[in-house]
Protein backbone atom coordinates (compact mmCIF):
# COMPACT_ATOMS: atom_id res chain seq x y z
CA MET A 1 -118.13 -81.13 -27.74
CA THR A 2 -118.59 -83.96 -25.28
CA PRO A 3 -120.37 -83.71 -21.90
CA THR A 4 -116.89 -83.46 -20.35
CA SER A 5 -116.04 -80.26 -22.25
CA ALA A 6 -115.77 -78.22 -19.06
CA CYS A 7 -112.70 -80.29 -18.14
CA VAL A 8 -111.03 -80.11 -21.55
CA THR A 9 -107.59 -78.48 -21.46
CA ALA A 10 -107.50 -75.12 -23.24
CA ARG A 11 -104.68 -74.40 -25.69
CA PRO A 12 -103.54 -71.64 -28.06
CA THR A 13 -104.92 -72.14 -31.58
CA GLY A 14 -104.16 -70.79 -35.03
CA TRP A 15 -107.65 -70.01 -36.24
CA ASN A 16 -107.45 -66.22 -35.80
CA VAL A 17 -104.76 -65.23 -38.28
CA SER A 18 -103.49 -61.73 -38.99
CA ALA A 19 -103.63 -60.13 -42.41
CA ALA A 20 -100.94 -61.66 -44.60
CA THR A 21 -97.79 -59.62 -45.10
CA THR A 22 -95.89 -59.40 -48.36
CA VAL A 23 -92.25 -60.01 -49.24
CA PRO A 24 -90.40 -59.42 -52.53
CA ASP A 25 -90.24 -62.45 -54.83
CA ALA A 26 -86.46 -62.66 -54.49
CA GLN A 27 -86.71 -62.79 -50.69
CA ARG A 28 -89.43 -65.44 -50.90
CA ILE A 29 -87.26 -67.62 -53.12
CA THR A 30 -84.29 -67.16 -50.78
CA LEU A 31 -86.39 -68.21 -47.77
CA GLN A 32 -87.78 -71.22 -49.61
CA GLU A 33 -84.32 -72.37 -50.63
CA ARG A 34 -82.94 -71.78 -47.13
CA ALA A 35 -85.75 -73.81 -45.58
CA ALA A 36 -85.39 -76.68 -48.05
CA ALA A 37 -81.63 -76.92 -47.56
CA ALA A 38 -81.93 -76.82 -43.77
CA TRP A 39 -84.77 -79.35 -43.72
CA ALA A 40 -82.58 -81.83 -45.59
CA GLN A 41 -80.27 -81.66 -42.53
CA ARG A 42 -83.12 -81.76 -39.99
CA GLU A 43 -81.42 -84.26 -37.71
CA ASP A 44 -79.12 -81.39 -36.76
CA ALA A 45 -80.95 -79.15 -34.27
CA ALA A 46 -79.42 -75.95 -35.61
CA SER A 47 -80.43 -76.78 -39.18
CA LEU A 48 -83.96 -77.65 -38.10
CA ALA A 49 -84.18 -74.29 -36.31
CA ILE A 50 -83.19 -72.52 -39.54
CA ALA A 51 -85.91 -74.33 -41.47
CA ILE A 52 -88.50 -73.47 -38.81
CA GLU A 53 -87.47 -69.81 -38.81
CA ALA A 54 -87.66 -69.54 -42.61
CA TRP A 55 -91.03 -71.30 -42.86
CA ASN A 56 -92.38 -69.20 -40.02
CA GLU A 57 -91.36 -66.02 -41.87
CA LEU A 58 -92.99 -67.28 -45.06
CA GLY A 59 -96.05 -68.28 -43.08
CA GLN A 60 -96.68 -64.68 -42.09
CA THR A 61 -97.30 -64.00 -45.79
CA GLY A 62 -100.13 -66.52 -45.83
CA ASP A 63 -97.97 -69.14 -47.56
CA VAL A 64 -100.01 -72.31 -47.02
CA ALA A 65 -97.25 -74.66 -48.19
CA ALA A 66 -94.74 -73.06 -45.81
CA LEU A 67 -97.15 -73.31 -42.88
CA THR A 68 -97.85 -76.94 -43.70
CA SER A 69 -94.10 -77.63 -43.74
CA LEU A 70 -93.78 -75.73 -40.46
CA SER A 71 -96.41 -77.98 -38.89
CA ARG A 72 -94.44 -81.04 -39.97
CA ALA A 73 -91.18 -79.48 -38.76
CA PHE A 74 -92.56 -78.90 -35.26
CA PHE A 75 -93.71 -82.51 -35.20
CA PHE A 76 -90.20 -83.69 -36.08
CA LYS A 77 -88.65 -81.40 -33.49
CA ALA A 78 -90.89 -82.85 -30.77
CA ASP A 79 -90.78 -86.46 -31.90
CA CYS A 80 -87.13 -86.79 -32.90
CA HIS A 81 -85.30 -84.11 -30.90
CA ALA A 82 -87.10 -83.19 -27.67
CA ARG A 83 -88.10 -86.82 -27.07
CA PHE A 84 -84.46 -87.81 -26.63
CA GLU A 85 -83.14 -84.75 -24.79
CA ASP A 86 -82.57 -84.97 -21.03
CA ASP A 87 -83.47 -81.32 -20.52
CA PRO A 88 -85.17 -80.02 -23.69
CA PRO A 89 -85.67 -76.24 -23.93
CA PHE A 90 -89.28 -76.86 -24.98
CA ASP A 91 -91.46 -79.70 -23.76
CA MET A 92 -93.00 -82.05 -26.30
CA ALA A 93 -96.57 -80.97 -25.63
CA THR A 94 -95.71 -77.35 -26.39
CA LEU A 95 -93.98 -78.31 -29.63
CA PHE A 96 -96.84 -80.52 -30.75
CA ASN A 97 -99.26 -77.69 -30.10
CA ASP A 98 -97.01 -75.31 -32.05
CA GLY A 99 -97.33 -77.78 -34.93
CA ALA A 100 -101.10 -77.86 -34.58
CA VAL A 101 -101.22 -74.05 -34.58
CA ALA A 102 -99.13 -73.86 -37.78
CA GLY A 103 -101.46 -76.35 -39.44
CA GLU A 104 -104.50 -74.36 -38.36
CA MET A 105 -102.99 -71.21 -39.81
CA ALA A 106 -102.39 -73.05 -43.09
CA LEU A 107 -106.01 -74.15 -43.22
CA THR A 108 -107.31 -70.69 -42.36
CA TYR A 109 -105.30 -69.03 -45.12
CA SER A 110 -106.27 -71.71 -47.64
CA SER A 111 -110.00 -70.91 -47.86
CA ASP A 112 -112.04 -67.79 -47.13
CA ASP A 113 -115.18 -69.92 -46.84
CA PHE A 114 -113.52 -72.20 -44.31
CA ARG A 115 -112.18 -69.23 -42.33
CA ASP A 116 -115.67 -67.69 -42.18
CA ARG A 117 -117.22 -70.93 -40.97
CA VAL A 118 -114.65 -71.43 -38.22
CA SER A 119 -114.86 -67.78 -37.14
CA HIS A 120 -118.61 -68.20 -36.68
CA GLY A 121 -118.14 -71.21 -34.43
CA THR A 122 -118.69 -74.07 -36.87
CA PRO A 123 -116.91 -77.20 -35.59
CA LEU A 124 -113.89 -78.16 -37.67
CA VAL A 125 -115.38 -81.50 -38.71
CA ASP A 126 -118.31 -79.62 -40.27
CA ALA A 127 -116.30 -76.65 -41.55
CA MET A 128 -113.75 -78.78 -43.39
CA VAL A 129 -116.24 -79.45 -46.21
CA ALA A 130 -115.16 -76.00 -47.41
CA LEU A 131 -111.54 -77.14 -47.72
CA PRO A 132 -110.27 -78.53 -51.03
CA ASP A 133 -108.59 -81.92 -51.09
CA SER A 134 -105.31 -80.08 -51.65
CA SER A 135 -105.53 -79.06 -47.97
CA ILE A 136 -105.30 -82.66 -46.78
CA GLU A 137 -101.60 -82.45 -45.90
CA ALA A 138 -102.19 -79.44 -43.64
CA LEU A 139 -105.20 -81.20 -42.09
CA TYR A 140 -103.12 -84.32 -41.50
CA TRP A 141 -100.13 -82.65 -39.83
CA ARG A 142 -102.32 -80.34 -37.78
CA THR A 143 -104.33 -83.32 -36.52
CA LEU A 144 -101.38 -85.60 -35.86
CA ASN A 145 -99.73 -82.86 -33.81
CA LEU A 146 -102.94 -82.26 -31.91
CA TYR A 147 -103.38 -85.97 -31.25
CA ARG A 148 -99.86 -86.20 -29.82
CA TRP A 149 -100.50 -83.09 -27.72
CA SER A 150 -103.69 -84.65 -26.33
CA GLU A 151 -101.82 -87.77 -25.20
CA GLN A 152 -100.19 -85.64 -22.52
CA GLN A 153 -103.50 -84.13 -21.37
CA ASN A 154 -106.35 -85.39 -19.20
CA LEU A 155 -108.91 -88.01 -20.25
CA PRO A 156 -111.69 -85.53 -21.20
CA THR A 157 -109.24 -83.76 -23.51
CA ARG A 158 -108.17 -87.02 -25.15
CA ILE A 159 -111.81 -87.94 -25.75
CA ASP A 160 -112.56 -84.49 -27.16
CA VAL A 161 -109.65 -84.66 -29.60
CA ARG A 162 -110.29 -88.30 -30.51
CA ASP A 163 -113.61 -87.79 -32.26
CA GLU A 164 -112.42 -84.85 -34.35
CA ALA A 165 -109.15 -86.57 -35.24
CA ARG A 166 -110.91 -89.72 -36.37
CA ALA A 167 -113.20 -87.80 -38.75
CA ILE A 168 -110.29 -85.86 -40.24
CA MET A 169 -108.10 -88.92 -40.65
CA GLU A 170 -110.96 -90.77 -42.36
CA ARG A 171 -110.87 -88.03 -44.98
CA ALA A 172 -107.08 -88.33 -45.22
CA LEU A 173 -107.45 -92.07 -45.70
CA ARG A 174 -109.84 -91.50 -48.60
CA VAL A 175 -107.93 -88.66 -50.26
CA ASN A 176 -104.30 -89.75 -49.84
CA PRO A 177 -103.66 -93.04 -48.04
CA ASP A 178 -99.95 -92.78 -48.93
CA LEU A 179 -99.50 -89.48 -47.10
CA ASP A 180 -96.58 -89.59 -44.65
CA GLN A 181 -95.73 -93.16 -45.67
CA ALA A 182 -99.17 -94.65 -44.91
CA GLY A 183 -99.72 -92.16 -42.11
CA PRO A 184 -103.54 -92.44 -42.10
CA GLN A 185 -103.39 -96.24 -41.70
CA ARG A 186 -100.72 -95.88 -39.02
CA PHE A 187 -102.93 -93.36 -37.23
CA PHE A 188 -105.89 -95.75 -37.11
CA GLY A 189 -103.68 -98.62 -36.01
CA GLU A 190 -102.61 -96.45 -33.11
CA HIS A 191 -106.10 -95.06 -32.54
CA TYR A 192 -107.74 -98.46 -32.11
CA ALA A 193 -104.95 -99.75 -29.89
CA ARG A 194 -105.68 -97.14 -27.24
CA ALA A 195 -105.53 -98.78 -23.83
CA GLU A 196 -108.61 -97.02 -22.48
CA GLN A 197 -111.64 -98.92 -23.72
CA VAL A 198 -113.72 -95.77 -23.19
CA LEU A 199 -111.63 -94.30 -26.04
CA GLY A 200 -112.72 -97.00 -28.45
CA GLY A 201 -109.94 -99.56 -28.13
CA ASP A 202 -110.22 -102.38 -30.69
CA LEU A 203 -107.05 -104.46 -31.03
CA PRO A 204 -108.12 -106.64 -34.00
CA ARG A 205 -109.00 -103.49 -35.94
CA SER A 206 -105.70 -101.93 -34.86
CA ASP A 207 -103.85 -104.96 -36.19
CA ARG A 208 -105.53 -104.69 -39.59
CA TYR A 209 -104.60 -101.03 -39.99
CA PHE A 210 -100.98 -101.59 -38.96
CA VAL A 211 -100.70 -104.50 -41.40
CA GLN A 212 -102.06 -102.22 -44.15
CA ALA A 213 -99.57 -99.50 -43.23
CA ASN A 214 -96.63 -101.89 -43.38
CA ARG A 215 -97.75 -103.30 -46.72
CA ARG A 216 -98.17 -99.82 -48.18
CA ALA A 217 -94.85 -98.48 -46.84
CA PRO A 218 -92.71 -101.49 -45.89
CA ASP A 219 -89.47 -99.48 -45.68
CA TYR A 220 -90.82 -96.89 -43.26
CA LEU A 221 -89.68 -98.02 -39.83
CA GLU A 222 -92.10 -95.86 -37.83
CA ASN A 223 -94.88 -98.20 -38.96
CA LEU A 224 -93.18 -101.06 -37.11
CA VAL A 225 -92.30 -98.94 -34.07
CA GLN A 226 -95.89 -97.86 -33.59
CA PHE A 227 -97.15 -101.39 -34.27
CA ALA A 228 -94.97 -102.62 -31.40
CA PHE A 229 -95.52 -99.69 -29.05
CA ARG A 230 -99.26 -99.31 -29.53
CA HIS A 231 -100.60 -102.71 -30.53
CA ASP A 232 -98.19 -105.32 -29.17
CA LEU A 233 -97.80 -103.50 -25.88
CA ALA A 234 -101.59 -103.27 -25.46
CA ARG A 235 -101.86 -107.01 -26.20
CA ARG A 236 -99.01 -107.72 -23.77
CA ASP A 237 -97.42 -109.72 -26.58
CA ARG A 238 -93.76 -109.53 -25.64
CA ALA A 239 -92.57 -111.82 -28.42
CA ALA A 240 -94.13 -109.69 -31.16
CA PHE A 241 -93.05 -106.49 -29.42
CA VAL A 242 -89.40 -107.56 -29.29
CA ALA A 243 -89.40 -109.05 -32.79
CA ARG A 244 -90.70 -105.87 -34.42
CA LEU A 245 -88.32 -103.61 -32.54
CA GLU A 246 -85.35 -105.85 -33.34
CA GLN A 247 -86.38 -105.68 -37.00
CA VAL A 248 -86.24 -101.89 -36.75
CA GLU A 249 -82.89 -101.92 -34.95
CA ASP A 250 -81.33 -104.24 -37.53
CA ALA A 251 -82.68 -102.40 -40.59
CA THR A 252 -80.26 -100.82 -43.04
CA ILE A 253 -81.14 -97.17 -43.54
CA GLU A 254 -81.28 -96.35 -47.23
CA THR A 255 -80.52 -92.85 -48.49
CA ASN A 256 -83.96 -91.46 -49.30
CA GLU A 257 -86.30 -88.65 -48.34
CA PHE A 258 -87.35 -90.28 -45.06
CA ALA A 259 -83.94 -91.53 -43.89
CA PRO A 260 -83.98 -89.04 -40.95
CA GLU A 261 -87.34 -90.40 -39.80
CA ASN A 262 -86.02 -93.95 -40.09
CA ARG A 263 -82.99 -93.13 -37.96
CA CYS A 264 -85.35 -91.53 -35.45
CA ALA A 265 -87.43 -94.72 -35.46
CA GLN A 266 -84.32 -96.75 -34.67
CA LYS A 267 -83.60 -94.49 -31.69
CA LYS A 268 -87.17 -95.04 -30.49
CA ALA A 269 -86.80 -98.80 -30.89
CA ARG A 270 -83.62 -98.82 -28.81
CA TRP A 271 -85.29 -96.70 -26.15
CA LEU A 272 -88.36 -98.95 -26.03
CA MET A 273 -86.23 -102.07 -25.75
CA ALA A 274 -84.24 -100.58 -22.91
CA ALA A 275 -87.34 -99.31 -21.10
CA ASP A 276 -88.52 -102.87 -20.33
CA LEU A 277 -92.19 -101.94 -20.65
CA MET A 278 -93.37 -105.55 -20.30
């Protein structure tokens, strides 16, 4: 904790999980299939809700994969649904924290050793040595959700989350740099572009990470959106900002597993262009 801990915003967490329930194998398979089919249609709010409901039910059984998917689903709901709604039923901060909670539950169920360490007050950065590398996806989505939640909190909270997030994402970068289409590189590009110098802003370093992300996943439009929004905006480089967003707007969306995220990125690009931030 930092010296500003007394001012850090409290939030619900997922570290104290209940005993896992059980469901018949046939019901588990039905829920898994229902979630997968609905997730494929996640741009539709009703379909996304079905996926969330199914993964939540599976999560009560201690299903780590389902809870990890639930964490990602809450992120998508906040980032690609609530973001564009005039009067969303849930605010983005709440949804991002829901995603963090799901990720924390996944981590807690994944290792008894880890659960014991956290329950005895060991900081996550120290306790995560007990987590296998197979937990990296849950760590990633939990941390990305938490990072987005912190952006809507006060400065002490952002500082508190920053240090933990950086340590976790460094592990993600080592274990699986391709996770979420170069998500760890994209995270550090964003992280070092932070406007507040007290939060460790470093624009040249940010540029290097964003370039790496785009090289590793050149067809993933969120890499360009964040490059423009985080780095170019911080540099006050209007030409680069506009050029990257126009590239996103003009991109042809291929039919692949991340097409919904690419269409979401195009909506963000149009919004950022219209917002006249510079």
